[in-house]
Amino acid sequence: MSDRRITPQPNDSANNEERLENTIGNMEAAEEAMAFADGKELESIKKANARRKESIEGLQSEIKTQNESRINGYHEYL
């Protein structure tokens, strides 16, 4: 097993819509690649898309919450 550690990136909610679009695009591209994959590669794509689906749902929820906050008058001050 590798000793490589993944450092989480800080969540910058300003780019959630861009991240959502990128994740959807990656998922669609992976679904197209599934037609040419088999075995371990196919299973890897399926697992990655399951994680992408969770990410998409989370991003959509976060964007919705942000939009509701803006409607209710909350503004993020930097």
Protein backbone atom coordinates (compact mmCIF):
# COMPACT_ATOMS: atom_id res chain seq x y z
CA MET A 1 0.00 0.00 0.00
CA SER A 2 1.25 3.46 -0.84
CA ASP A 3 2.14 5.96 1.88
CA ARG A 4 0.74 8.74 -0.28
CA ARG A 5 -1.73 10.88 1.64
CA ILE A 6 -4.61 12.78 0.12
CA THR A 7 -4.97 16.26 1.53
CA PRO A 8 -8.53 17.56 1.34
CA GLN A 9 -8.96 20.82 -0.48
CA PRO A 10 -10.80 23.64 1.26
CA ASN A 11 -14.40 23.96 0.12
CA ASP A 12 -14.78 27.09 -1.99
CA SER A 13 -18.54 27.33 -2.46
CA ALA A 14 -18.08 30.07 -5.06
CA ASN A 15 -17.28 27.47 -7.71
CA ASN A 16 -19.92 24.83 -6.86
CA GLU A 17 -21.79 25.28 -10.14
CA GLU A 18 -18.57 24.84 -12.15
CA ARG A 19 -17.64 21.76 -10.10
CA LEU A 20 -21.15 20.37 -10.65
CA GLU A 21 -20.87 20.83 -14.43
CA ASN A 22 -17.41 19.23 -14.48
CA THR A 23 -18.54 16.26 -12.41
CA ILE A 24 -21.59 15.67 -14.63
CA GLY A 25 -19.37 15.88 -17.72
CA ASN A 26 -16.89 13.39 -16.24
CA MET A 27 -19.72 11.02 -15.35
CA GLU A 28 -21.17 11.20 -18.87
CA ALA A 29 -17.76 10.58 -20.43
CA ALA A 30 -17.20 7.61 -18.15
CA GLU A 31 -20.60 6.18 -19.08
CA GLU A 32 -19.59 6.34 -22.75
CA ALA A 33 -16.28 4.64 -21.94
CA MET A 34 -18.14 1.80 -20.22
CA ALA A 35 -19.16 0.51 -23.65
CA PHE A 36 -15.50 -0.28 -24.35
CA ALA A 37 -14.50 -1.51 -20.89
CA ASP A 38 -14.66 -4.89 -19.24
CA GLY A 39 -13.56 -6.63 -16.08
CA LYS A 40 -11.67 -4.54 -13.57
CA GLU A 41 -11.80 -1.42 -15.71
CA LEU A 42 -15.60 -1.60 -15.97
CA GLU A 43 -15.92 -2.15 -12.23
CA SER A 44 -13.61 0.80 -11.57
CA ILE A 45 -15.71 3.07 -13.78
CA LYS A 46 -18.90 1.94 -12.02
CA LYS A 47 -17.40 2.69 -8.60
CA ALA A 48 -16.13 6.09 -9.73
CA ASN A 49 -19.54 6.99 -11.14
CA ALA A 50 -21.20 5.96 -7.88
CA ARG A 51 -18.91 8.41 -6.07
CA ARG A 52 -19.64 11.05 -8.71
CA LYS A 53 -23.38 10.55 -8.21
CA GLU A 54 -22.99 11.18 -4.47
CA SER A 55 -20.90 14.25 -5.21
CA ILE A 56 -23.49 15.57 -7.68
CA GLU A 57 -26.27 15.14 -5.13
CA GLY A 58 -24.22 16.94 -2.49
CA LEU A 59 -23.33 19.81 -4.82
CA GLN A 60 -26.95 20.21 -5.93
CA SER A 61 -28.06 20.33 -2.31
CA GLU A 62 -25.38 22.86 -1.41
CA ILE A 63 -26.25 25.09 -4.40
CA LYS A 64 -29.93 24.93 -3.45
CA THR A 65 -29.12 25.91 0.15
CA GLN A 66 -26.94 28.79 -1.04
CA ASN A 67 -29.69 30.06 -3.34
CA GLU A 68 -32.27 29.86 -0.55
CA SER A 69 -29.92 31.77 1.75
CA ARG A 70 -29.51 34.51 -0.83
CA ILE A 71 -33.29 34.76 -1.22
CA ASN A 72 -33.60 35.12 2.54
CA GLY A 73 -31.09 37.97 2.58
CA TYR A 74 -27.93 36.19 3.75
CA HIS A 75 -24.77 37.40 2.01
CA GLU A 76 -21.35 35.97 2.55
CA TYR A 77 -18.92 38.69 3.46
CA LEU A 78 -15.23 38.26 2.81
